[in-house]
Amino acid sequence: MIIFWLICAAFILLALAFVLPPALDRSDDKENDDQDERKRANIAVYRDQLSELESDFKNGIVSQEQYAQDREEIERRLLEDTAGSRRKEKAVPVNAKGSIYVLGLTLPVVAIVFYLVVGTPKSITGEAIPTRPTTSAATGERTQEQIAANVDALAQRLKENPSDAAGWTMLARSYDNMERFGESAGAYAKATELNPKDADLWAEYAFVSAMASGRSLEGKPEELIAQALRVDPENAKALQLAGSAAFQAKDYKKAVSYWERVLKRVPPESEVGQLMNERLNEARILAASQR
């Protein structure tokens, strides 16, 4: 009898030696994978924001001062989010490891008690002992977190801190990149309310409003363009949109006037400069045909 229990104890320890290390490794790996996915999602959103900002700066749409300020804000938020992820990464595995150790020590005890209650201890003396079949638990399939989840998390944080103008701007631009123009317009409404002296924000608000309205610049988008130009009469984004609104209204002479002002503010060889030259040529031809 004593020999049997010693053998059982030996087999339990042997089994735990095989089971616990892989379980702990999988727990750590799972937590690390989850953290890596969240970090990748965060980084992807901020990378898009930096790429758009750099493109605007190269094309002369934003000034050196505005570029430096926006880049610093984006990098600050990226550092805050990734730092928060690292803090969580240190805390979670401890609980997971504790649960595994508890289960590893508890299950053998439960198994022995269960056997003594419903099993056949007398069989130890030599009778055949039937073995109970065991099944392995199915592992759930983990879905990858997408950028949309990270953007939604930002939206949730802004509900708790609605006075964060930079946060609303980032959310609006993220929705714009995802072509969720209606939601982007709503976020720009909050951003411009908190930062009404930023002509770029008013111009971007006008653009997404137009996209949400079937690409039409009539009505509210025109009002937003006018507000952007009141804040900064030479804002390149607002001038581009003002020219497009005039072109849509078939006022080609006015479109030419706006777009010529854009060309004075951007390098001719830039993407914006090349686009403006193409649009100007088209508008000049149409304006000449109206005479």
C-alpha atoms as a PDB file:
ATOM      1  CA  MET A   1       0.000   0.000   0.000  1.00  0.00           C
ATOM      2  CA  ILE A   2       2.751   2.471   0.995  1.00  0.00           C
ATOM      3  CA  ILE A   3       4.723   1.514  -2.104  1.00  0.00           C
ATOM      4  CA  PHE A   4       1.695   2.326  -4.268  1.00  0.00           C
ATOM      5  CA  TRP A   5       1.357   5.847  -2.838  1.00  0.00           C
ATOM      6  CA  LEU A   6       5.068   6.464  -3.218  1.00  0.00           C
ATOM      7  CA  ILE A   7       4.830   5.401  -6.839  1.00  0.00           C
ATOM      8  CA  CYS A   8       1.813   7.711  -7.314  1.00  0.00           C
ATOM      9  CA  ALA A   9       3.690  10.624  -5.794  1.00  0.00           C
ATOM     10  CA  ALA A  10       6.654   9.970  -8.065  1.00  0.00           C
ATOM     11  CA  PHE A  11       4.452   9.875 -11.142  1.00  0.00           C
ATOM     12  CA  ILE A  12       2.634  13.078 -10.093  1.00  0.00           C
ATOM     13  CA  LEU A  13       5.930  14.920  -9.670  1.00  0.00           C
ATOM     14  CA  LEU A  14       7.132  13.577 -13.005  1.00  0.00           C
ATOM     15  CA  ALA A  15       3.930  14.672 -14.706  1.00  0.00           C
ATOM     16  CA  LEU A  16       4.118  18.158 -13.181  1.00  0.00           C
ATOM     17  CA  ALA A  17       7.731  18.442 -14.343  1.00  0.00           C
ATOM     18  CA  PHE A  18       6.508  17.941 -17.904  1.00  0.00           C
ATOM     19  CA  VAL A  19       3.301  19.978 -17.673  1.00  0.00           C
ATOM     20  CA  LEU A  20       4.166  23.093 -15.663  1.00  0.00           C
ATOM     21  CA  PRO A  21       7.152  24.491 -17.640  1.00  0.00           C
ATOM     22  CA  PRO A  22       5.359  24.405 -21.034  1.00  0.00           C
ATOM     23  CA  ALA A  23       2.225  25.856 -19.442  1.00  0.00           C
ATOM     24  CA  LEU A  24       4.240  28.706 -17.964  1.00  0.00           C
ATOM     25  CA  ASP A  25       6.001  29.277 -21.248  1.00  0.00           C
ATOM     26  CA  ARG A  26       2.701  29.351 -23.124  1.00  0.00           C
ATOM     27  CA  SER A  27       1.282  31.791 -20.591  1.00  0.00           C
ATOM     28  CA  ASP A  28       4.255  34.116 -21.022  1.00  0.00           C
ATOM     29  CA  ASP A  29       4.192  33.690 -24.798  1.00  0.00           C
ATOM     30  CA  LYS A  30       0.477  34.440 -24.969  1.00  0.00           C
ATOM     31  CA  GLU A  31       0.819  37.578 -22.871  1.00  0.00           C
ATOM     32  CA  ASN A  32       3.836  38.699 -24.888  1.00  0.00           C
ATOM     33  CA  ASP A  33       1.986  38.022 -28.156  1.00  0.00           C
ATOM     34  CA  ASP A  34      -1.019  40.022 -26.949  1.00  0.00           C
ATOM     35  CA  GLN A  35       1.210  42.902 -25.902  1.00  0.00           C
ATOM     36  CA  ASP A  36       3.081  42.774 -29.214  1.00  0.00           C
ATOM     37  CA  GLU A  37      -0.194  42.918 -31.148  1.00  0.00           C
ATOM     38  CA  ARG A  38      -1.379  45.915 -29.151  1.00  0.00           C
ATOM     39  CA  LYS A  39       1.959  47.658 -29.662  1.00  0.00           C
ATOM     40  CA  ARG A  40       1.873  46.962 -33.400  1.00  0.00           C
ATOM     41  CA  ALA A  41      -1.640  48.385 -33.636  1.00  0.00           C
ATOM     42  CA  ASN A  42      -0.593  51.511 -31.721  1.00  0.00           C
ATOM     43  CA  ILE A  43       2.532  51.990 -33.798  1.00  0.00           C
ATOM     44  CA  ALA A  44       0.602  51.554 -37.069  1.00  0.00           C
ATOM     45  CA  VAL A  45      -1.787  54.396 -36.204  1.00  0.00           C
ATOM     46  CA  TYR A  46       1.001  56.751 -35.148  1.00  0.00           C
ATOM     47  CA  ARG A  47       3.109  55.805 -38.188  1.00  0.00           C
ATOM     48  CA  ASP A  48       0.208  56.799 -40.465  1.00  0.00           C
ATOM     49  CA  GLN A  49      -0.084  60.112 -38.652  1.00  0.00           C
ATOM     50  CA  LEU A  50       3.652  60.807 -38.986  1.00  0.00           C
ATOM     51  CA  SER A  51       3.626  59.839 -42.658  1.00  0.00           C
ATOM     52  CA  GLU A  52       0.758  62.213 -43.400  1.00  0.00           C
ATOM     53  CA  LEU A  53       2.432  65.009 -41.435  1.00  0.00           C
ATOM     54  CA  GLU A  54       5.758  64.527 -43.237  1.00  0.00           C
ATOM     55  CA  SER A  55       3.992  64.515 -46.594  1.00  0.00           C
ATOM     56  CA  ASP A  56       2.244  67.805 -45.762  1.00  0.00           C
ATOM     57  CA  PHE A  57       5.551  69.333 -44.650  1.00  0.00           C
ATOM     58  CA  LYS A  58       7.422  68.227 -47.795  1.00  0.00           C
ATOM     59  CA  ASN A  59       4.649  69.640 -49.958  1.00  0.00           C
ATOM     60  CA  GLY A  60       4.783  72.958 -48.125  1.00  0.00           C
ATOM     61  CA  ILE A  61       1.285  72.615 -46.682  1.00  0.00           C
ATOM     62  CA  VAL A  62       2.394  72.986 -43.060  1.00  0.00           C
ATOM     63  CA  SER A  63       5.095  75.272 -41.686  1.00  0.00           C
ATOM     64  CA  GLN A  64       8.310  74.138 -39.999  1.00  0.00           C
ATOM     65  CA  GLU A  65       6.967  75.271 -36.625  1.00  0.00           C
ATOM     66  CA  GLN A  66       3.635  73.452 -37.042  1.00  0.00           C
ATOM     67  CA  TYR A  67       5.443  70.338 -38.289  1.00  0.00           C
ATOM     68  CA  ALA A  68       7.749  70.244 -35.258  1.00  0.00           C
ATOM     69  CA  GLN A  69       4.868  70.814 -32.843  1.00  0.00           C
ATOM     70  CA  ASP A  70       2.635  68.105 -34.367  1.00  0.00           C
ATOM     71  CA  ARG A  71       5.489  65.609 -34.616  1.00  0.00           C
ATOM     72  CA  GLU A  72       6.433  66.139 -30.976  1.00  0.00           C
ATOM     73  CA  GLU A  73       2.812  65.556 -29.918  1.00  0.00           C
ATOM     74  CA  ILE A  74       2.511  62.336 -31.955  1.00  0.00           C
ATOM     75  CA  GLU A  75       5.819  60.982 -30.621  1.00  0.00           C
ATOM     76  CA  ARG A  76       4.804  61.849 -27.043  1.00  0.00           C
ATOM     77  CA  ARG A  77       1.559  59.886 -27.388  1.00  0.00           C
ATOM     78  CA  LEU A  78       3.379  56.941 -28.920  1.00  0.00           C
ATOM     79  CA  LEU A  79       5.818  56.824 -25.997  1.00  0.00           C
ATOM     80  CA  GLU A  80       2.976  57.047 -23.475  1.00  0.00           C
ATOM     81  CA  ASP A  81       1.039  54.184 -25.097  1.00  0.00           C
ATOM     82  CA  THR A  82       4.014  51.857 -25.477  1.00  0.00           C
ATOM     83  CA  ALA A  83       5.166  52.637 -21.915  1.00  0.00           C
ATOM     84  CA  GLY A  84       1.691  51.743 -20.666  1.00  0.00           C
ATOM     85  CA  SER A  85       1.868  48.448 -22.536  1.00  0.00           C
ATOM     86  CA  ARG A  86       5.194  47.587 -20.895  1.00  0.00           C
ATOM     87  CA  ARG A  87       3.776  48.208 -17.433  1.00  0.00           C
ATOM     88  CA  LYS A  88       0.873  45.870 -18.135  1.00  0.00           C
ATOM     89  CA  GLU A  89       3.213  43.266 -19.544  1.00  0.00           C
ATOM     90  CA  LYS A  90       5.092  43.096 -16.244  1.00  0.00           C
ATOM     91  CA  ALA A  91       1.968  42.727 -14.135  1.00  0.00           C
ATOM     92  CA  VAL A  92      -0.148  40.143 -15.934  1.00  0.00           C
ATOM     93  CA  PRO A  93       2.177  37.106 -16.139  1.00  0.00           C
ATOM     94  CA  VAL A  94       2.517  37.021 -12.349  1.00  0.00           C
ATOM     95  CA  ASN A  95      -1.204  36.283 -11.968  1.00  0.00           C
ATOM     96  CA  ALA A  96      -1.083  33.759 -14.789  1.00  0.00           C
ATOM     97  CA  LYS A  97       1.860  31.912 -13.216  1.00  0.00           C
ATOM     98  CA  GLY A  98       0.150  31.879  -9.837  1.00  0.00           C
ATOM     99  CA  SER A  99      -2.958  30.287 -11.349  1.00  0.00           C
ATOM    100  CA  ILE A 100      -0.870  27.609 -13.049  1.00  0.00           C
ATOM    101  CA  TYR A 101       0.970  26.736  -9.826  1.00  0.00           C
ATOM    102  CA  VAL A 102      -2.312  26.538  -7.877  1.00  0.00           C
ATOM    103  CA  LEU A 103      -3.840  24.265 -10.499  1.00  0.00           C
ATOM    104  CA  GLY A 104      -0.684  22.148 -10.665  1.00  0.00           C
ATOM    105  CA  LEU A 105      -0.744  21.522  -6.903  1.00  0.00           C
ATOM    106  CA  THR A 106      -4.522  21.290  -6.498  1.00  0.00           C
ATOM    107  CA  LEU A 107      -5.377  18.854  -9.283  1.00  0.00           C
ATOM    108  CA  PRO A 108      -3.313  15.922  -7.891  1.00  0.00           C
ATOM    109  CA  VAL A 109      -4.936  16.365  -4.461  1.00  0.00           C
ATOM    110  CA  VAL A 110      -8.420  16.504  -5.991  1.00  0.00           C
ATOM    111  CA  ALA A 111      -7.658  13.429  -8.073  1.00  0.00           C
ATOM    112  CA  ILE A 112      -6.547  11.450  -5.008  1.00  0.00           C
ATOM    113  CA  VAL A 113      -9.603  12.487  -2.964  1.00  0.00           C
ATOM    114  CA  PHE A 114     -11.898  11.662  -5.878  1.00  0.00           C
ATOM    115  CA  TYR A 115     -10.283   8.252  -6.227  1.00  0.00           C
ATOM    116  CA  LEU A 116     -10.654   7.486  -2.536  1.00  0.00           C
ATOM    117  CA  VAL A 117     -14.348   8.452  -2.602  1.00  0.00           C
ATOM    118  CA  VAL A 118     -15.582   6.858  -5.830  1.00  0.00           C
ATOM    119  CA  GLY A 119     -12.683   4.642  -6.882  1.00  0.00           C
ATOM    120  CA  THR A 120     -11.701   1.159  -5.818  1.00  0.00           C
ATOM    121  CA  PRO A 121      -8.828   1.402  -3.336  1.00  0.00           C
ATOM    122  CA  LYS A 122      -9.072  -2.302  -2.645  1.00  0.00           C
ATOM    123  CA  SER A 123      -7.858  -2.944  -6.171  1.00  0.00           C
ATOM    124  CA  ILE A 124      -4.432  -1.818  -5.042  1.00  0.00           C
ATOM    125  CA  THR A 125      -3.927  -5.240  -3.542  1.00  0.00           C
ATOM    126  CA  GLY A 126      -3.633  -6.805  -6.957  1.00  0.00           C
ATOM    127  CA  GLU A 127      -6.902  -6.648  -8.896  1.00  0.00           C
ATOM    128  CA  ALA A 128      -6.895  -4.999 -12.332  1.00  0.00           C
ATOM    129  CA  ILE A 129      -7.446  -1.236 -12.219  1.00  0.00           C
ATOM    130  CA  PRO A 130      -9.418   0.208 -15.145  1.00  0.00           C
ATOM    131  CA  THR A 131      -7.980   3.488 -16.481  1.00  0.00           C
ATOM    132  CA  ARG A 132     -10.160   6.527 -17.069  1.00  0.00           C
ATOM    133  CA  PRO A 133      -9.748   8.080 -20.546  1.00  0.00           C
ATOM    134  CA  THR A 134      -8.715  11.755 -20.521  1.00  0.00           C
ATOM    135  CA  THR A 135      -9.408  14.480 -23.063  1.00  0.00           C
ATOM    136  CA  SER A 136      -7.365  17.551 -23.762  1.00  0.00           C
ATOM    137  CA  ALA A 137      -9.094  20.908 -23.651  1.00  0.00           C
ATOM    138  CA  ALA A 138      -9.503  22.627 -26.973  1.00  0.00           C
ATOM    139  CA  THR A 139      -7.510  25.813 -27.353  1.00  0.00           C
ATOM    140  CA  GLY A 140      -9.424  28.884 -28.452  1.00  0.00           C
ATOM    141  CA  GLU A 141      -8.307  30.667 -31.566  1.00  0.00           C
ATOM    142  CA  ARG A 142      -7.053  34.177 -30.888  1.00  0.00           C
ATOM    143  CA  THR A 143      -7.935  36.882 -33.364  1.00  0.00           C
ATOM    144  CA  GLN A 144      -5.434  39.637 -34.158  1.00  0.00           C
ATOM    145  CA  GLU A 145      -6.158  43.158 -32.961  1.00  0.00           C
ATOM    146  CA  GLN A 146      -6.541  45.558 -35.836  1.00  0.00           C
ATOM    147  CA  ILE A 147      -5.831  49.263 -36.097  1.00  0.00           C
ATOM    148  CA  ALA A 148      -9.568  49.887 -35.837  1.00  0.00           C
ATOM    149  CA  ALA A 149      -9.535  48.487 -32.297  1.00  0.00           C
ATOM    150  CA  ASN A 150      -6.787  50.895 -31.324  1.00  0.00           C
ATOM    151  CA  VAL A 151      -8.676  53.833 -32.831  1.00  0.00           C
ATOM    152  CA  ASP A 152     -11.803  52.803 -30.945  1.00  0.00           C
ATOM    153  CA  ALA A 153      -9.728  52.685 -27.761  1.00  0.00           C
ATOM    154  CA  LEU A 154      -8.597  56.263 -28.437  1.00  0.00           C
ATOM    155  CA  ALA A 155     -12.232  57.282 -28.916  1.00  0.00           C
ATOM    156  CA  GLN A 156     -13.077  55.681 -25.565  1.00  0.00           C
ATOM    157  CA  ARG A 157     -10.235  57.550 -23.826  1.00  0.00           C
ATOM    158  CA  LEU A 158     -11.519  60.822 -25.258  1.00  0.00           C
ATOM    159  CA  LYS A 159     -14.913  60.188 -23.685  1.00  0.00           C
ATOM    160  CA  GLU A 160     -13.112  60.251 -20.356  1.00  0.00           C
ATOM    161  CA  ASN A 161     -10.986  63.290 -21.315  1.00  0.00           C
ATOM    162  CA  PRO A 162     -13.050  65.304 -23.840  1.00  0.00           C
ATOM    163  CA  SER A 163     -10.882  68.422 -23.502  1.00  0.00           C
ATOM    164  CA  ASP A 164      -7.886  66.783 -25.232  1.00  0.00           C
ATOM    165  CA  ALA A 165      -7.676  68.789 -28.476  1.00  0.00           C
ATOM    166  CA  ALA A 166      -4.662  66.877 -29.801  1.00  0.00           C
ATOM    167  CA  GLY A 167      -6.436  63.589 -29.115  1.00  0.00           C
ATOM    168  CA  TRP A 168      -9.508  64.658 -31.092  1.00  0.00           C
ATOM    169  CA  THR A 169      -7.271  65.740 -33.962  1.00  0.00           C
ATOM    170  CA  MET A 170      -5.527  62.380 -34.012  1.00  0.00           C
ATOM    171  CA  LEU A 171      -8.853  60.548 -33.860  1.00  0.00           C
ATOM    172  CA  ALA A 172     -10.273  62.643 -36.702  1.00  0.00           C
ATOM    173  CA  ARG A 173      -7.270  61.971 -38.925  1.00  0.00           C
ATOM    174  CA  SER A 174      -7.361  58.268 -38.081  1.00  0.00           C
ATOM    175  CA  TYR A 175     -11.026  58.044 -39.068  1.00  0.00           C
ATOM    176  CA  ASP A 176     -10.177  59.949 -42.260  1.00  0.00           C
ATOM    177  CA  ASN A 177      -7.447  57.416 -43.128  1.00  0.00           C
ATOM    178  CA  MET A 178      -9.961  54.627 -42.525  1.00  0.00           C
ATOM    179  CA  GLU A 179     -12.476  56.456 -44.771  1.00  0.00           C
ATOM    180  CA  ARG A 180     -14.949  56.725 -41.906  1.00  0.00           C
ATOM    181  CA  PHE A 181     -15.708  60.298 -42.973  1.00  0.00           C
ATOM    182  CA  GLY A 182     -18.852  60.887 -40.921  1.00  0.00           C
ATOM    183  CA  GLU A 183     -17.077  59.940 -37.697  1.00  0.00           C
ATOM    184  CA  SER A 184     -14.045  61.939 -38.790  1.00  0.00           C
ATOM    185  CA  ALA A 185     -16.215  65.031 -39.243  1.00  0.00           C
ATOM    186  CA  GLY A 186     -17.604  64.570 -35.737  1.00  0.00           C
ATOM    187  CA  ALA A 187     -14.102  64.359 -34.277  1.00  0.00           C
ATOM    188  CA  TYR A 188     -12.973  67.431 -36.250  1.00  0.00           C
ATOM    189  CA  ALA A 189     -15.970  69.316 -34.862  1.00  0.00           C
ATOM    190  CA  LYS A 190     -14.628  68.686 -31.345  1.00  0.00           C
ATOM    191  CA  ALA A 191     -11.040  69.487 -32.368  1.00  0.00           C
ATOM    192  CA  THR A 192     -11.965  72.835 -33.947  1.00  0.00           C
ATOM    193  CA  GLU A 193     -14.152  73.706 -30.972  1.00  0.00           C
ATOM    194  CA  LEU A 194     -11.151  73.228 -28.687  1.00  0.00           C
ATOM    195  CA  ASN A 195      -8.609  74.744 -31.093  1.00  0.00           C
ATOM    196  CA  PRO A 196     -10.480  77.296 -33.251  1.00  0.00           C
ATOM    197  CA  LYS A 197      -7.329  79.138 -34.383  1.00  0.00           C
ATOM    198  CA  ASP A 198      -5.938  76.226 -36.401  1.00  0.00           C
ATOM    199  CA  ALA A 199      -6.732  76.815 -40.079  1.00  0.00           C
ATOM    200  CA  ASP A 200      -5.490  73.332 -41.049  1.00  0.00           C
ATOM    201  CA  LEU A 201      -8.104  71.743 -38.799  1.00  0.00           C
ATOM    202  CA  TRP A 202     -10.905  73.769 -40.355  1.00  0.00           C
ATOM    203  CA  ALA A 203      -9.725  72.830 -43.849  1.00  0.00           C
ATOM    204  CA  GLU A 204      -9.481  69.125 -42.964  1.00  0.00           C
ATOM    205  CA  TYR A 205     -12.919  69.337 -41.346  1.00  0.00           C
ATOM    206  CA  ALA A 206     -14.267  70.793 -44.608  1.00  0.00           C
ATOM    207  CA  PHE A 207     -12.681  68.003 -46.645  1.00  0.00           C
ATOM    208  CA  VAL A 208     -14.111  65.094 -44.624  1.00  0.00           C
ATOM    209  CA  SER A 209     -17.498  66.817 -44.491  1.00  0.00           C
ATOM    210  CA  ALA A 210     -17.467  66.977 -48.283  1.00  0.00           C
ATOM    211  CA  MET A 211     -16.451  63.309 -48.521  1.00  0.00           C
ATOM    212  CA  ALA A 212     -19.272  62.374 -46.157  1.00  0.00           C
ATOM    213  CA  SER A 213     -21.688  64.325 -48.398  1.00  0.00           C
ATOM    214  CA  GLY A 214     -20.875  62.568 -51.648  1.00  0.00           C
ATOM    215  CA  ARG A 215     -17.765  64.663 -52.393  1.00  0.00           C
ATOM    216  CA  SER A 216     -19.814  67.855 -52.661  1.00  0.00           C
ATOM    217  CA  LEU A 217     -18.259  71.052 -51.317  1.00  0.00           C
ATOM    218  CA  GLU A 218     -21.552  72.940 -51.305  1.00  0.00           C
ATOM    219  CA  GLY A 219     -23.192  73.963 -48.062  1.00  0.00           C
ATOM    220  CA  LYS A 220     -21.396  73.217 -44.814  1.00  0.00           C
ATOM    221  CA  PRO A 221     -18.013  72.370 -46.402  1.00  0.00           C
ATOM    222  CA  GLU A 222     -17.978  75.852 -48.013  1.00  0.00           C
ATOM    223  CA  GLU A 223     -18.730  77.426 -44.639  1.00  0.00           C
ATOM    224  CA  LEU A 224     -15.853  75.519 -43.065  1.00  0.00           C
ATOM    225  CA  ILE A 225     -13.489  76.555 -45.870  1.00  0.00           C
ATOM    226  CA  ALA A 226     -14.478  80.169 -45.337  1.00  0.00           C
ATOM    227  CA  GLN A 227     -13.750  79.802 -41.609  1.00  0.00           C
ATOM    228  CA  ALA A 228     -10.316  78.358 -42.372  1.00  0.00           C
ATOM    229  CA  LEU A 229      -9.527  81.327 -44.608  1.00  0.00           C
ATOM    230  CA  ARG A 230     -10.711  83.756 -41.935  1.00  0.00           C
ATOM    231  CA  VAL A 231      -8.219  82.189 -39.545  1.00  0.00           C
ATOM    232  CA  ASP A 232      -5.430  82.161 -42.173  1.00  0.00           C
ATOM    233  CA  PRO A 233      -6.185  83.736 -45.570  1.00  0.00           C
ATOM    234  CA  GLU A 234      -3.127  82.066 -47.119  1.00  0.00           C
ATOM    235  CA  ASN A 235      -3.605  78.558 -45.747  1.00  0.00           C
ATOM    236  CA  ALA A 236      -2.649  76.181 -48.578  1.00  0.00           C
ATOM    237  CA  LYS A 237      -5.171  73.471 -47.685  1.00  0.00           C
ATOM    238  CA  ALA A 238      -8.039  75.945 -47.453  1.00  0.00           C
ATOM    239  CA  LEU A 239      -7.042  77.617 -50.729  1.00  0.00           C
ATOM    240  CA  GLN A 240      -6.966  74.267 -52.515  1.00  0.00           C
ATOM    241  CA  LEU A 241     -10.453  73.448 -51.287  1.00  0.00           C
ATOM    242  CA  ALA A 242     -11.753  76.925 -52.042  1.00  0.00           C
ATOM    243  CA  GLY A 243     -10.521  76.501 -55.622  1.00  0.00           C
ATOM    244  CA  SER A 244     -12.181  73.082 -55.830  1.00  0.00           C
ATOM    245  CA  ALA A 245     -15.465  74.514 -54.521  1.00  0.00           C
ATOM    246  CA  ALA A 246     -15.342  77.281 -57.135  1.00  0.00           C
ATOM    247  CA  PHE A 247     -14.515  74.721 -59.832  1.00  0.00           C
ATOM    248  CA  GLN A 248     -17.513  72.590 -58.784  1.00  0.00           C
ATOM    249  CA  ALA A 249     -19.694  75.712 -59.007  1.00  0.00           C
ATOM    250  CA  LYS A 250     -18.261  76.316 -62.541  1.00  0.00           C
ATOM    251  CA  ASP A 251     -16.729  79.603 -61.421  1.00  0.00           C
ATOM    252  CA  TYR A 252     -13.459  78.743 -63.153  1.00  0.00           C
ATOM    253  CA  LYS A 253     -12.010  82.251 -62.929  1.00  0.00           C
ATOM    254  CA  LYS A 254     -12.279  82.187 -59.143  1.00  0.00           C
ATOM    255  CA  ALA A 255     -10.811  78.670 -59.079  1.00  0.00           C
ATOM    256  CA  VAL A 256      -7.805  79.942 -61.037  1.00  0.00           C
ATOM    257  CA  SER A 257      -7.379  82.771 -58.544  1.00  0.00           C
ATOM    258  CA  TYR A 258      -7.352  80.442 -55.536  1.00  0.00           C
ATOM    259  CA  TRP A 259      -5.033  77.870 -57.084  1.00  0.00           C
ATOM    260  CA  GLU A 260      -2.543  80.504 -58.243  1.00  0.00           C
ATOM    261  CA  ARG A 261      -2.258  81.568 -54.599  1.00  0.00           C
ATOM    262  CA  VAL A 262      -1.554  77.951 -53.634  1.00  0.00           C
ATOM    263  CA  LEU A 263       1.303  77.766 -56.145  1.00  0.00           C
ATOM    264  CA  LYS A 264       2.943  80.760 -54.479  1.00  0.00           C
ATOM    265  CA  ARG A 265       3.106  78.838 -51.206  1.00  0.00           C
ATOM    266  CA  VAL A 266       4.291  75.379 -52.308  1.00  0.00           C
ATOM    267  CA  PRO A 267       7.370  74.191 -54.244  1.00  0.00           C
ATOM    268  CA  PRO A 268       6.448  73.828 -57.961  1.00  0.00           C
ATOM    269  CA  GLU A 269       8.092  70.372 -58.138  1.00  0.00           C
ATOM    270  CA  SER A 270       6.131  69.037 -55.149  1.00  0.00           C
ATOM    271  CA  GLU A 271       3.111  66.783 -55.581  1.00  0.00           C
ATOM    272  CA  VAL A 272       0.785  69.637 -54.618  1.00  0.00           C
ATOM    273  CA  GLY A 273       2.562  71.988 -57.009  1.00  0.00           C
ATOM    274  CA  GLN A 274       2.263  69.542 -59.911  1.00  0.00           C
ATOM    275  CA  LEU A 275      -1.406  68.888 -59.133  1.00  0.00           C
ATOM    276  CA  MET A 276      -2.158  72.598 -58.951  1.00  0.00           C
ATOM    277  CA  ASN A 277      -0.508  73.189 -62.317  1.00  0.00           C
ATOM    278  CA  GLU A 278      -2.666  70.485 -63.888  1.00  0.00           C
ATOM    279  CA  ARG A 279      -5.855  71.827 -62.315  1.00  0.00           C
ATOM    280  CA  LEU A 280      -4.921  75.397 -63.228  1.00  0.00           C
ATOM    281  CA  ASN A 281      -4.439  74.516 -66.880  1.00  0.00           C
ATOM    282  CA  GLU A 282      -7.850  72.844 -66.940  1.00  0.00           C
ATOM    283  CA  ALA A 283      -9.533  75.771 -65.133  1.00  0.00           C
ATOM    284  CA  ARG A 284      -7.906  78.357 -67.431  1.00  0.00           C
ATOM    285  CA  ILE A 285      -9.139  76.548 -70.520  1.00  0.00           C
ATOM    286  CA  LEU A 286     -12.681  76.354 -69.129  1.00  0.00           C
ATOM    287  CA  ALA A 287     -12.568  79.989 -67.972  1.00  0.00           C
ATOM    288  CA  ALA A 288     -11.512  81.075 -71.484  1.00  0.00           C
ATOM    289  CA  SER A 289     -14.417  79.140 -73.007  1.00  0.00           C
ATOM    290  CA  GLN A 290     -16.888  81.048 -70.845  1.00  0.00           C
ATOM    291  CA  ARG A 291     -15.973  84.420 -72.303  1.00  0.00           C
END
